[in-house]
Amino acid sequence: EDHWVPVILAAFGVGAILGNMAGG
């Protein structure tokens, strides 16, 4: 459902934060 989309987007954000720090 639509209301689950922000939750999955938050998972992308967690991955991005971890990836950003790992890249450095």
PDBML (XML) file of the C-alpha atoms, coordinates in Angstrom:
<?xml version="1.0" encoding="UTF-8" ?>
<PDBx:datablock datablockName="MODEL"
   xmlns:PDBx="http://pdbml.pdb.org/schema/pdbx-v50.xsd"
   xmlns:xsi="http://www.w3.org/2001/XMLSchema-instance"
   xsi:schemaLocation="http://pdbml.pdb.org/schema/pdbx-v50.xsd pdbx-v50.xsd">
   <PDBx:atom_siteCategory>
      <PDBx:atom_site id="1">
         <PDBx:B_iso_or_equiv>0.00</PDBx:B_iso_or_equiv>
         <PDBx:Cartn_x>0.000</PDBx:Cartn_x>
         <PDBx:Cartn_y>0.000</PDBx:Cartn_y>
         <PDBx:Cartn_z>0.000</PDBx:Cartn_z>
         <PDBx:auth_asym_id>A</PDBx:auth_asym_id>
         <PDBx:auth_atom_id>CA</PDBx:auth_atom_id>
         <PDBx:auth_comp_id>GLU</PDBx:auth_comp_id>
         <PDBx:auth_seq_id>1</PDBx:auth_seq_id>
         <PDBx:group_PDB>ATOM</PDBx:group_PDB>
         <PDBx:label_alt_id xsi:nil="true" />
         <PDBx:label_asym_id>A</PDBx:label_asym_id>
         <PDBx:label_atom_id>CA</PDBx:label_atom_id>
         <PDBx:label_comp_id>GLU</PDBx:label_comp_id>
         <PDBx:label_entity_id>1</PDBx:label_entity_id>
         <PDBx:label_seq_id>1</PDBx:label_seq_id>
         <PDBx:occupancy>1.00</PDBx:occupancy>
         <PDBx:pdbx_PDB_model_num>1</PDBx:pdbx_PDB_model_num>
         <PDBx:type_symbol>C</PDBx:type_symbol>
      </PDBx:atom_site>
      <PDBx:atom_site id="2">
         <PDBx:B_iso_or_equiv>0.00</PDBx:B_iso_or_equiv>
         <PDBx:Cartn_x>1.029</PDBx:Cartn_x>
         <PDBx:Cartn_y>3.638</PDBx:Cartn_y>
         <PDBx:Cartn_z>-0.478</PDBx:Cartn_z>
         <PDBx:auth_asym_id>A</PDBx:auth_asym_id>
         <PDBx:auth_atom_id>CA</PDBx:auth_atom_id>
         <PDBx:auth_comp_id>ASP</PDBx:auth_comp_id>
         <PDBx:auth_seq_id>2</PDBx:auth_seq_id>
         <PDBx:group_PDB>ATOM</PDBx:group_PDB>
         <PDBx:label_alt_id xsi:nil="true" />
         <PDBx:label_asym_id>A</PDBx:label_asym_id>
         <PDBx:label_atom_id>CA</PDBx:label_atom_id>
         <PDBx:label_comp_id>ASP</PDBx:label_comp_id>
         <PDBx:label_entity_id>1</PDBx:label_entity_id>
         <PDBx:label_seq_id>2</PDBx:label_seq_id>
         <PDBx:occupancy>1.00</PDBx:occupancy>
         <PDBx:pdbx_PDB_model_num>1</PDBx:pdbx_PDB_model_num>
         <PDBx:type_symbol>C</PDBx:type_symbol>
      </PDBx:atom_site>
      <PDBx:atom_site id="3">
         <PDBx:B_iso_or_equiv>0.00</PDBx:B_iso_or_equiv>
         <PDBx:Cartn_x>1.764</PDBx:Cartn_x>
         <PDBx:Cartn_y>4.181</PDBx:Cartn_y>
         <PDBx:Cartn_z>3.209</PDBx:Cartn_z>
         <PDBx:auth_asym_id>A</PDBx:auth_asym_id>
         <PDBx:auth_atom_id>CA</PDBx:auth_atom_id>
         <PDBx:auth_comp_id>HIS</PDBx:auth_comp_id>
         <PDBx:auth_seq_id>3</PDBx:auth_seq_id>
         <PDBx:group_PDB>ATOM</PDBx:group_PDB>
         <PDBx:label_alt_id xsi:nil="true" />
         <PDBx:label_asym_id>A</PDBx:label_asym_id>
         <PDBx:label_atom_id>CA</PDBx:label_atom_id>
         <PDBx:label_comp_id>HIS</PDBx:label_comp_id>
         <PDBx:label_entity_id>1</PDBx:label_entity_id>
         <PDBx:label_seq_id>3</PDBx:label_seq_id>
         <PDBx:occupancy>1.00</PDBx:occupancy>
         <PDBx:pdbx_PDB_model_num>1</PDBx:pdbx_PDB_model_num>
         <PDBx:type_symbol>C</PDBx:type_symbol>
      </PDBx:atom_site>
      <PDBx:atom_site id="4">
         <PDBx:B_iso_or_equiv>0.00</PDBx:B_iso_or_equiv>
         <PDBx:Cartn_x>4.512</PDBx:Cartn_x>
         <PDBx:Cartn_y>1.526</PDBx:Cartn_y>
         <PDBx:Cartn_z>3.121</PDBx:Cartn_z>
         <PDBx:auth_asym_id>A</PDBx:auth_asym_id>
         <PDBx:auth_atom_id>CA</PDBx:auth_atom_id>
         <PDBx:auth_comp_id>TRP</PDBx:auth_comp_id>
         <PDBx:auth_seq_id>4</PDBx:auth_seq_id>
         <PDBx:group_PDB>ATOM</PDBx:group_PDB>
         <PDBx:label_alt_id xsi:nil="true" />
         <PDBx:label_asym_id>A</PDBx:label_asym_id>
         <PDBx:label_atom_id>CA</PDBx:label_atom_id>
         <PDBx:label_comp_id>TRP</PDBx:label_comp_id>
         <PDBx:label_entity_id>1</PDBx:label_entity_id>
         <PDBx:label_seq_id>4</PDBx:label_seq_id>
         <PDBx:occupancy>1.00</PDBx:occupancy>
         <PDBx:pdbx_PDB_model_num>1</PDBx:pdbx_PDB_model_num>
         <PDBx:type_symbol>C</PDBx:type_symbol>
      </PDBx:atom_site>
      <PDBx:atom_site id="5">
         <PDBx:B_iso_or_equiv>0.00</PDBx:B_iso_or_equiv>
         <PDBx:Cartn_x>6.523</PDBx:Cartn_x>
         <PDBx:Cartn_y>3.404</PDBx:Cartn_y>
         <PDBx:Cartn_z>0.498</PDBx:Cartn_z>
         <PDBx:auth_asym_id>A</PDBx:auth_asym_id>
         <PDBx:auth_atom_id>CA</PDBx:auth_atom_id>
         <PDBx:auth_comp_id>VAL</PDBx:auth_comp_id>
         <PDBx:auth_seq_id>5</PDBx:auth_seq_id>
         <PDBx:group_PDB>ATOM</PDBx:group_PDB>
         <PDBx:label_alt_id xsi:nil="true" />
         <PDBx:label_asym_id>A</PDBx:label_asym_id>
         <PDBx:label_atom_id>CA</PDBx:label_atom_id>
         <PDBx:label_comp_id>VAL</PDBx:label_comp_id>
         <PDBx:label_entity_id>1</PDBx:label_entity_id>
         <PDBx:label_seq_id>5</PDBx:label_seq_id>
         <PDBx:occupancy>1.00</PDBx:occupancy>
         <PDBx:pdbx_PDB_model_num>1</PDBx:pdbx_PDB_model_num>
         <PDBx:type_symbol>C</PDBx:type_symbol>
      </PDBx:atom_site>
      <PDBx:atom_site id="6">
         <PDBx:B_iso_or_equiv>0.00</PDBx:B_iso_or_equiv>
         <PDBx:Cartn_x>8.174</PDBx:Cartn_x>
         <PDBx:Cartn_y>5.839</PDBx:Cartn_y>
         <PDBx:Cartn_z>2.997</PDBx:Cartn_z>
         <PDBx:auth_asym_id>A</PDBx:auth_asym_id>
         <PDBx:auth_atom_id>CA</PDBx:auth_atom_id>
         <PDBx:auth_comp_id>PRO</PDBx:auth_comp_id>
         <PDBx:auth_seq_id>6</PDBx:auth_seq_id>
         <PDBx:group_PDB>ATOM</PDBx:group_PDB>
         <PDBx:label_alt_id xsi:nil="true" />
         <PDBx:label_asym_id>A</PDBx:label_asym_id>
         <PDBx:label_atom_id>CA</PDBx:label_atom_id>
         <PDBx:label_comp_id>PRO</PDBx:label_comp_id>
         <PDBx:label_entity_id>1</PDBx:label_entity_id>
         <PDBx:label_seq_id>6</PDBx:label_seq_id>
         <PDBx:occupancy>1.00</PDBx:occupancy>
         <PDBx:pdbx_PDB_model_num>1</PDBx:pdbx_PDB_model_num>
         <PDBx:type_symbol>C</PDBx:type_symbol>
      </PDBx:atom_site>
      <PDBx:atom_site id="7">
         <PDBx:B_iso_or_equiv>0.00</PDBx:B_iso_or_equiv>
         <PDBx:Cartn_x>9.194</PDBx:Cartn_x>
         <PDBx:Cartn_y>2.848</PDBx:Cartn_y>
         <PDBx:Cartn_z>5.144</PDBx:Cartn_z>
         <PDBx:auth_asym_id>A</PDBx:auth_asym_id>
         <PDBx:auth_atom_id>CA</PDBx:auth_atom_id>
         <PDBx:auth_comp_id>VAL</PDBx:auth_comp_id>
         <PDBx:auth_seq_id>7</PDBx:auth_seq_id>
         <PDBx:group_PDB>ATOM</PDBx:group_PDB>
         <PDBx:label_alt_id xsi:nil="true" />
         <PDBx:label_asym_id>A</PDBx:label_asym_id>
         <PDBx:label_atom_id>CA</PDBx:label_atom_id>
         <PDBx:label_comp_id>VAL</PDBx:label_comp_id>
         <PDBx:label_entity_id>1</PDBx:label_entity_id>
         <PDBx:label_seq_id>7</PDBx:label_seq_id>
         <PDBx:occupancy>1.00</PDBx:occupancy>
         <PDBx:pdbx_PDB_model_num>1</PDBx:pdbx_PDB_model_num>
         <PDBx:type_symbol>C</PDBx:type_symbol>
      </PDBx:atom_site>
      <PDBx:atom_site id="8">
         <PDBx:B_iso_or_equiv>0.00</PDBx:B_iso_or_equiv>
         <PDBx:Cartn_x>11.035</PDBx:Cartn_x>
         <PDBx:Cartn_y>1.165</PDBx:Cartn_y>
         <PDBx:Cartn_z>2.275</PDBx:Cartn_z>
         <PDBx:auth_asym_id>A</PDBx:auth_asym_id>
         <PDBx:auth_atom_id>CA</PDBx:auth_atom_id>
         <PDBx:auth_comp_id>ILE</PDBx:auth_comp_id>
         <PDBx:auth_seq_id>8</PDBx:auth_seq_id>
         <PDBx:group_PDB>ATOM</PDBx:group_PDB>
         <PDBx:label_alt_id xsi:nil="true" />
         <PDBx:label_asym_id>A</PDBx:label_asym_id>
         <PDBx:label_atom_id>CA</PDBx:label_atom_id>
         <PDBx:label_comp_id>ILE</PDBx:label_comp_id>
         <PDBx:label_entity_id>1</PDBx:label_entity_id>
         <PDBx:label_seq_id>8</PDBx:label_seq_id>
         <PDBx:occupancy>1.00</PDBx:occupancy>
         <PDBx:pdbx_PDB_model_num>1</PDBx:pdbx_PDB_model_num>
         <PDBx:type_symbol>C</PDBx:type_symbol>
      </PDBx:atom_site>
      <PDBx:atom_site id="9">
         <PDBx:B_iso_or_equiv>0.00</PDBx:B_iso_or_equiv>
         <PDBx:Cartn_x>12.543</PDBx:Cartn_x>
         <PDBx:Cartn_y>4.513</PDBx:Cartn_y>
         <PDBx:Cartn_z>1.278</PDBx:Cartn_z>
         <PDBx:auth_asym_id>A</PDBx:auth_asym_id>
         <PDBx:auth_atom_id>CA</PDBx:auth_atom_id>
         <PDBx:auth_comp_id>LEU</PDBx:auth_comp_id>
         <PDBx:auth_seq_id>9</PDBx:auth_seq_id>
         <PDBx:group_PDB>ATOM</PDBx:group_PDB>
         <PDBx:label_alt_id xsi:nil="true" />
         <PDBx:label_asym_id>A</PDBx:label_asym_id>
         <PDBx:label_atom_id>CA</PDBx:label_atom_id>
         <PDBx:label_comp_id>LEU</PDBx:label_comp_id>
         <PDBx:label_entity_id>1</PDBx:label_entity_id>
         <PDBx:label_seq_id>9</PDBx:label_seq_id>
         <PDBx:occupancy>1.00</PDBx:occupancy>
         <PDBx:pdbx_PDB_model_num>1</PDBx:pdbx_PDB_model_num>
         <PDBx:type_symbol>C</PDBx:type_symbol>
      </PDBx:atom_site>
      <PDBx:atom_site id="10">
         <PDBx:B_iso_or_equiv>0.00</PDBx:B_iso_or_equiv>
         <PDBx:Cartn_x>13.910</PDBx:Cartn_x>
         <PDBx:Cartn_y>4.751</PDBx:Cartn_y>
         <PDBx:Cartn_z>4.819</PDBx:Cartn_z>
         <PDBx:auth_asym_id>A</PDBx:auth_asym_id>
         <PDBx:auth_atom_id>CA</PDBx:auth_atom_id>
         <PDBx:auth_comp_id>ALA</PDBx:auth_comp_id>
         <PDBx:auth_seq_id>10</PDBx:auth_seq_id>
         <PDBx:group_PDB>ATOM</PDBx:group_PDB>
         <PDBx:label_alt_id xsi:nil="true" />
         <PDBx:label_asym_id>A</PDBx:label_asym_id>
         <PDBx:label_atom_id>CA</PDBx:label_atom_id>
         <PDBx:label_comp_id>ALA</PDBx:label_comp_id>
         <PDBx:label_entity_id>1</PDBx:label_entity_id>
         <PDBx:label_seq_id>10</PDBx:label_seq_id>
         <PDBx:occupancy>1.00</PDBx:occupancy>
         <PDBx:pdbx_PDB_model_num>1</PDBx:pdbx_PDB_model_num>
         <PDBx:type_symbol>C</PDBx:type_symbol>
      </PDBx:atom_site>
      <PDBx:atom_site id="11">
         <PDBx:B_iso_or_equiv>0.00</PDBx:B_iso_or_equiv>
         <PDBx:Cartn_x>15.666</PDBx:Cartn_x>
         <PDBx:Cartn_y>1.413</PDBx:Cartn_y>
         <PDBx:Cartn_z>4.237</PDBx:Cartn_z>
         <PDBx:auth_asym_id>A</PDBx:auth_asym_id>
         <PDBx:auth_atom_id>CA</PDBx:auth_atom_id>
         <PDBx:auth_comp_id>ALA</PDBx:auth_comp_id>
         <PDBx:auth_seq_id>11</PDBx:auth_seq_id>
         <PDBx:group_PDB>ATOM</PDBx:group_PDB>
         <PDBx:label_alt_id xsi:nil="true" />
         <PDBx:label_asym_id>A</PDBx:label_asym_id>
         <PDBx:label_atom_id>CA</PDBx:label_atom_id>
         <PDBx:label_comp_id>ALA</PDBx:label_comp_id>
         <PDBx:label_entity_id>1</PDBx:label_entity_id>
         <PDBx:label_seq_id>11</PDBx:label_seq_id>
         <PDBx:occupancy>1.00</PDBx:occupancy>
         <PDBx:pdbx_PDB_model_num>1</PDBx:pdbx_PDB_model_num>
         <PDBx:type_symbol>C</PDBx:type_symbol>
      </PDBx:atom_site>
      <PDBx:atom_site id="12">
         <PDBx:B_iso_or_equiv>0.00</PDBx:B_iso_or_equiv>
         <PDBx:Cartn_x>17.326</PDBx:Cartn_x>
         <PDBx:Cartn_y>2.945</PDBx:Cartn_y>
         <PDBx:Cartn_z>1.184</PDBx:Cartn_z>
         <PDBx:auth_asym_id>A</PDBx:auth_asym_id>
         <PDBx:auth_atom_id>CA</PDBx:auth_atom_id>
         <PDBx:auth_comp_id>PHE</PDBx:auth_comp_id>
         <PDBx:auth_seq_id>12</PDBx:auth_seq_id>
         <PDBx:group_PDB>ATOM</PDBx:group_PDB>
         <PDBx:label_alt_id xsi:nil="true" />
         <PDBx:label_asym_id>A</PDBx:label_asym_id>
         <PDBx:label_atom_id>CA</PDBx:label_atom_id>
         <PDBx:label_comp_id>PHE</PDBx:label_comp_id>
         <PDBx:label_entity_id>1</PDBx:label_entity_id>
         <PDBx:label_seq_id>12</PDBx:label_seq_id>
         <PDBx:occupancy>1.00</PDBx:occupancy>
         <PDBx:pdbx_PDB_model_num>1</PDBx:pdbx_PDB_model_num>
         <PDBx:type_symbol>C</PDBx:type_symbol>
      </PDBx:atom_site>
      <PDBx:atom_site id="13">
         <PDBx:B_iso_or_equiv>0.00</PDBx:B_iso_or_equiv>
         <PDBx:Cartn_x>18.432</PDBx:Cartn_x>
         <PDBx:Cartn_y>5.816</PDBx:Cartn_y>
         <PDBx:Cartn_z>3.412</PDBx:Cartn_z>
         <PDBx:auth_asym_id>A</PDBx:auth_asym_id>
         <PDBx:auth_atom_id>CA</PDBx:auth_atom_id>
         <PDBx:auth_comp_id>GLY</PDBx:auth_comp_id>
         <PDBx:auth_seq_id>13</PDBx:auth_seq_id>
         <PDBx:group_PDB>ATOM</PDBx:group_PDB>
         <PDBx:label_alt_id xsi:nil="true" />
         <PDBx:label_asym_id>A</PDBx:label_asym_id>
         <PDBx:label_atom_id>CA</PDBx:label_atom_id>
         <PDBx:label_comp_id>GLY</PDBx:label_comp_id>
         <PDBx:label_entity_id>1</PDBx:label_entity_id>
         <PDBx:label_seq_id>13</PDBx:label_seq_id>
         <PDBx:occupancy>1.00</PDBx:occupancy>
         <PDBx:pdbx_PDB_model_num>1</PDBx:pdbx_PDB_model_num>
         <PDBx:type_symbol>C</PDBx:type_symbol>
      </PDBx:atom_site>
      <PDBx:atom_site id="14">
         <PDBx:B_iso_or_equiv>0.00</PDBx:B_iso_or_equiv>
         <PDBx:Cartn_x>19.978</PDBx:Cartn_x>
         <PDBx:Cartn_y>3.459</PDBx:Cartn_y>
         <PDBx:Cartn_z>5.963</PDBx:Cartn_z>
         <PDBx:auth_asym_id>A</PDBx:auth_asym_id>
         <PDBx:auth_atom_id>CA</PDBx:auth_atom_id>
         <PDBx:auth_comp_id>VAL</PDBx:auth_comp_id>
         <PDBx:auth_seq_id>14</PDBx:auth_seq_id>
         <PDBx:group_PDB>ATOM</PDBx:group_PDB>
         <PDBx:label_alt_id xsi:nil="true" />
         <PDBx:label_asym_id>A</PDBx:label_asym_id>
         <PDBx:label_atom_id>CA</PDBx:label_atom_id>
         <PDBx:label_comp_id>VAL</PDBx:label_comp_id>
         <PDBx:label_entity_id>1</PDBx:label_entity_id>
         <PDBx:label_seq_id>14</PDBx:label_seq_id>
         <PDBx:occupancy>1.00</PDBx:occupancy>
         <PDBx:pdbx_PDB_model_num>1</PDBx:pdbx_PDB_model_num>
         <PDBx:type_symbol>C</PDBx:type_symbol>
      </PDBx:atom_site>
      <PDBx:atom_site id="15">
         <PDBx:B_iso_or_equiv>0.00</PDBx:B_iso_or_equiv>
         <PDBx:Cartn_x>21.896</PDBx:Cartn_x>
         <PDBx:Cartn_y>1.766</PDBx:Cartn_y>
         <PDBx:Cartn_z>3.186</PDBx:Cartn_z>
         <PDBx:auth_asym_id>A</PDBx:auth_asym_id>
         <PDBx:auth_atom_id>CA</PDBx:auth_atom_id>
         <PDBx:auth_comp_id>GLY</PDBx:auth_comp_id>
         <PDBx:auth_seq_id>15</PDBx:auth_seq_id>
         <PDBx:group_PDB>ATOM</PDBx:group_PDB>
         <PDBx:label_alt_id xsi:nil="true" />
         <PDBx:label_asym_id>A</PDBx:label_asym_id>
         <PDBx:label_atom_id>CA</PDBx:label_atom_id>
         <PDBx:label_comp_id>GLY</PDBx:label_comp_id>
         <PDBx:label_entity_id>1</PDBx:label_entity_id>
         <PDBx:label_seq_id>15</PDBx:label_seq_id>
         <PDBx:occupancy>1.00</PDBx:occupancy>
         <PDBx:pdbx_PDB_model_num>1</PDBx:pdbx_PDB_model_num>
         <PDBx:type_symbol>C</PDBx:type_symbol>
      </PDBx:atom_site>
      <PDBx:atom_site id="16">
         <PDBx:B_iso_or_equiv>0.00</PDBx:B_iso_or_equiv>
         <PDBx:Cartn_x>23.028</PDBx:Cartn_x>
         <PDBx:Cartn_y>5.124</PDBx:Cartn_y>
         <PDBx:Cartn_z>1.813</PDBx:Cartn_z>
         <PDBx:auth_asym_id>A</PDBx:auth_asym_id>
         <PDBx:auth_atom_id>CA</PDBx:auth_atom_id>
         <PDBx:auth_comp_id>ALA</PDBx:auth_comp_id>
         <PDBx:auth_seq_id>16</PDBx:auth_seq_id>
         <PDBx:group_PDB>ATOM</PDBx:group_PDB>
         <PDBx:label_alt_id xsi:nil="true" />
         <PDBx:label_asym_id>A</PDBx:label_asym_id>
         <PDBx:label_atom_id>CA</PDBx:label_atom_id>
         <PDBx:label_comp_id>ALA</PDBx:label_comp_id>
         <PDBx:label_entity_id>1</PDBx:label_entity_id>
         <PDBx:label_seq_id>16</PDBx:label_seq_id>
         <PDBx:occupancy>1.00</PDBx:occupancy>
         <PDBx:pdbx_PDB_model_num>1</PDBx:pdbx_PDB_model_num>
         <PDBx:type_symbol>C</PDBx:type_symbol>
      </PDBx:atom_site>
      <PDBx:atom_site id="17">
         <PDBx:B_iso_or_equiv>0.00</PDBx:B_iso_or_equiv>
         <PDBx:Cartn_x>24.370</PDBx:Cartn_x>
         <PDBx:Cartn_y>6.266</PDBx:Cartn_y>
         <PDBx:Cartn_z>5.197</PDBx:Cartn_z>
         <PDBx:auth_asym_id>A</PDBx:auth_asym_id>
         <PDBx:auth_atom_id>CA</PDBx:auth_atom_id>
         <PDBx:auth_comp_id>ILE</PDBx:auth_comp_id>
         <PDBx:auth_seq_id>17</PDBx:auth_seq_id>
         <PDBx:group_PDB>ATOM</PDBx:group_PDB>
         <PDBx:label_alt_id xsi:nil="true" />
         <PDBx:label_asym_id>A</PDBx:label_asym_id>
         <PDBx:label_atom_id>CA</PDBx:label_atom_id>
         <PDBx:label_comp_id>ILE</PDBx:label_comp_id>
         <PDBx:label_entity_id>1</PDBx:label_entity_id>
         <PDBx:label_seq_id>17</PDBx:label_seq_id>
         <PDBx:occupancy>1.00</PDBx:occupancy>
         <PDBx:pdbx_PDB_model_num>1</PDBx:pdbx_PDB_model_num>
         <PDBx:type_symbol>C</PDBx:type_symbol>
      </PDBx:atom_site>
      <PDBx:atom_site id="18">
         <PDBx:B_iso_or_equiv>0.00</PDBx:B_iso_or_equiv>
         <PDBx:Cartn_x>26.247</PDBx:Cartn_x>
         <PDBx:Cartn_y>2.997</PDBx:Cartn_y>
         <PDBx:Cartn_z>5.718</PDBx:Cartn_z>
         <PDBx:auth_asym_id>A</PDBx:auth_asym_id>
         <PDBx:auth_atom_id>CA</PDBx:auth_atom_id>
         <PDBx:auth_comp_id>LEU</PDBx:auth_comp_id>
         <PDBx:auth_seq_id>18</PDBx:auth_seq_id>
         <PDBx:group_PDB>ATOM</PDBx:group_PDB>
         <PDBx:label_alt_id xsi:nil="true" />
         <PDBx:label_asym_id>A</PDBx:label_asym_id>
         <PDBx:label_atom_id>CA</PDBx:label_atom_id>
         <PDBx:label_comp_id>LEU</PDBx:label_comp_id>
         <PDBx:label_entity_id>1</PDBx:label_entity_id>
         <PDBx:label_seq_id>18</PDBx:label_seq_id>
         <PDBx:occupancy>1.00</PDBx:occupancy>
         <PDBx:pdbx_PDB_model_num>1</PDBx:pdbx_PDB_model_num>
         <PDBx:type_symbol>C</PDBx:type_symbol>
      </PDBx:atom_site>
      <PDBx:atom_site id="19">
         <PDBx:B_iso_or_equiv>0.00</PDBx:B_iso_or_equiv>
         <PDBx:Cartn_x>27.540</PDBx:Cartn_x>
         <PDBx:Cartn_y>3.063</PDBx:Cartn_y>
         <PDBx:Cartn_z>2.154</PDBx:Cartn_z>
         <PDBx:auth_asym_id>A</PDBx:auth_asym_id>
         <PDBx:auth_atom_id>CA</PDBx:auth_atom_id>
         <PDBx:auth_comp_id>GLY</PDBx:auth_comp_id>
         <PDBx:auth_seq_id>19</PDBx:auth_seq_id>
         <PDBx:group_PDB>ATOM</PDBx:group_PDB>
         <PDBx:label_alt_id xsi:nil="true" />
         <PDBx:label_asym_id>A</PDBx:label_asym_id>
         <PDBx:label_atom_id>CA</PDBx:label_atom_id>
         <PDBx:label_comp_id>GLY</PDBx:label_comp_id>
         <PDBx:label_entity_id>1</PDBx:label_entity_id>
         <PDBx:label_seq_id>19</PDBx:label_seq_id>
         <PDBx:occupancy>1.00</PDBx:occupancy>
         <PDBx:pdbx_PDB_model_num>1</PDBx:pdbx_PDB_model_num>
         <PDBx:type_symbol>C</PDBx:type_symbol>
      </PDBx:atom_site>
      <PDBx:atom_site id="20">
         <PDBx:B_iso_or_equiv>0.00</PDBx:B_iso_or_equiv>
         <PDBx:Cartn_x>28.678</PDBx:Cartn_x>
         <PDBx:Cartn_y>6.680</PDBx:Cartn_y>
         <PDBx:Cartn_z>2.421</PDBx:Cartn_z>
         <PDBx:auth_asym_id>A</PDBx:auth_asym_id>
         <PDBx:auth_atom_id>CA</PDBx:auth_atom_id>
         <PDBx:auth_comp_id>ASN</PDBx:auth_comp_id>
         <PDBx:auth_seq_id>20</PDBx:auth_seq_id>
         <PDBx:group_PDB>ATOM</PDBx:group_PDB>
         <PDBx:label_alt_id xsi:nil="true" />
         <PDBx:label_asym_id>A</PDBx:label_asym_id>
         <PDBx:label_atom_id>CA</PDBx:label_atom_id>
         <PDBx:label_comp_id>ASN</PDBx:label_comp_id>
         <PDBx:label_entity_id>1</PDBx:label_entity_id>
         <PDBx:label_seq_id>20</PDBx:label_seq_id>
         <PDBx:occupancy>1.00</PDBx:occupancy>
         <PDBx:pdbx_PDB_model_num>1</PDBx:pdbx_PDB_model_num>
         <PDBx:type_symbol>C</PDBx:type_symbol>
      </PDBx:atom_site>
      <PDBx:atom_site id="21">
         <PDBx:B_iso_or_equiv>0.00</PDBx:B_iso_or_equiv>
         <PDBx:Cartn_x>30.741</PDBx:Cartn_x>
         <PDBx:Cartn_y>6.002</PDBx:Cartn_y>
         <PDBx:Cartn_z>5.533</PDBx:Cartn_z>
         <PDBx:auth_asym_id>A</PDBx:auth_asym_id>
         <PDBx:auth_atom_id>CA</PDBx:auth_atom_id>
         <PDBx:auth_comp_id>MET</PDBx:auth_comp_id>
         <PDBx:auth_seq_id>21</PDBx:auth_seq_id>
         <PDBx:group_PDB>ATOM</PDBx:group_PDB>
         <PDBx:label_alt_id xsi:nil="true" />
         <PDBx:label_asym_id>A</PDBx:label_asym_id>
         <PDBx:label_atom_id>CA</PDBx:label_atom_id>
         <PDBx:label_comp_id>MET</PDBx:label_comp_id>
         <PDBx:label_entity_id>1</PDBx:label_entity_id>
         <PDBx:label_seq_id>21</PDBx:label_seq_id>
         <PDBx:occupancy>1.00</PDBx:occupancy>
         <PDBx:pdbx_PDB_model_num>1</PDBx:pdbx_PDB_model_num>
         <PDBx:type_symbol>C</PDBx:type_symbol>
      </PDBx:atom_site>
      <PDBx:atom_site id="22">
         <PDBx:B_iso_or_equiv>0.00</PDBx:B_iso_or_equiv>
         <PDBx:Cartn_x>32.058</PDBx:Cartn_x>
         <PDBx:Cartn_y>2.730</PDBx:Cartn_y>
         <PDBx:Cartn_z>4.084</PDBx:Cartn_z>
         <PDBx:auth_asym_id>A</PDBx:auth_asym_id>
         <PDBx:auth_atom_id>CA</PDBx:auth_atom_id>
         <PDBx:auth_comp_id>ALA</PDBx:auth_comp_id>
         <PDBx:auth_seq_id>22</PDBx:auth_seq_id>
         <PDBx:group_PDB>ATOM</PDBx:group_PDB>
         <PDBx:label_alt_id xsi:nil="true" />
         <PDBx:label_asym_id>A</PDBx:label_asym_id>
         <PDBx:label_atom_id>CA</PDBx:label_atom_id>
         <PDBx:label_comp_id>ALA</PDBx:label_comp_id>
         <PDBx:label_entity_id>1</PDBx:label_entity_id>
         <PDBx:label_seq_id>22</PDBx:label_seq_id>
         <PDBx:occupancy>1.00</PDBx:occupancy>
         <PDBx:pdbx_PDB_model_num>1</PDBx:pdbx_PDB_model_num>
         <PDBx:type_symbol>C</PDBx:type_symbol>
      </PDBx:atom_site>
      <PDBx:atom_site id="23">
         <PDBx:B_iso_or_equiv>0.00</PDBx:B_iso_or_equiv>
         <PDBx:Cartn_x>33.123</PDBx:Cartn_x>
         <PDBx:Cartn_y>4.518</PDBx:Cartn_y>
         <PDBx:Cartn_z>0.899</PDBx:Cartn_z>
         <PDBx:auth_asym_id>A</PDBx:auth_asym_id>
         <PDBx:auth_atom_id>CA</PDBx:auth_atom_id>
         <PDBx:auth_comp_id>GLY</PDBx:auth_comp_id>
         <PDBx:auth_seq_id>23</PDBx:auth_seq_id>
         <PDBx:group_PDB>ATOM</PDBx:group_PDB>
         <PDBx:label_alt_id xsi:nil="true" />
         <PDBx:label_asym_id>A</PDBx:label_asym_id>
         <PDBx:label_atom_id>CA</PDBx:label_atom_id>
         <PDBx:label_comp_id>GLY</PDBx:label_comp_id>
         <PDBx:label_entity_id>1</PDBx:label_entity_id>
         <PDBx:label_seq_id>23</PDBx:label_seq_id>
         <PDBx:occupancy>1.00</PDBx:occupancy>
         <PDBx:pdbx_PDB_model_num>1</PDBx:pdbx_PDB_model_num>
         <PDBx:type_symbol>C</PDBx:type_symbol>
      </PDBx:atom_site>
      <PDBx:atom_site id="24">
         <PDBx:B_iso_or_equiv>0.00</PDBx:B_iso_or_equiv>
         <PDBx:Cartn_x>35.222</PDBx:Cartn_x>
         <PDBx:Cartn_y>7.017</PDBx:Cartn_y>
         <PDBx:Cartn_z>2.831</PDBx:Cartn_z>
         <PDBx:auth_asym_id>A</PDBx:auth_asym_id>
         <PDBx:auth_atom_id>CA</PDBx:auth_atom_id>
         <PDBx:auth_comp_id>GLY</PDBx:auth_comp_id>
         <PDBx:auth_seq_id>24</PDBx:auth_seq_id>
         <PDBx:group_PDB>ATOM</PDBx:group_PDB>
         <PDBx:label_alt_id xsi:nil="true" />
         <PDBx:label_asym_id>A</PDBx:label_asym_id>
         <PDBx:label_atom_id>CA</PDBx:label_atom_id>
         <PDBx:label_comp_id>GLY</PDBx:label_comp_id>
         <PDBx:label_entity_id>1</PDBx:label_entity_id>
         <PDBx:label_seq_id>24</PDBx:label_seq_id>
         <PDBx:occupancy>1.00</PDBx:occupancy>
         <PDBx:pdbx_PDB_model_num>1</PDBx:pdbx_PDB_model_num>
         <PDBx:type_symbol>C</PDBx:type_symbol>
      </PDBx:atom_site>
   </PDBx:atom_siteCategory>
</PDBx:datablock>
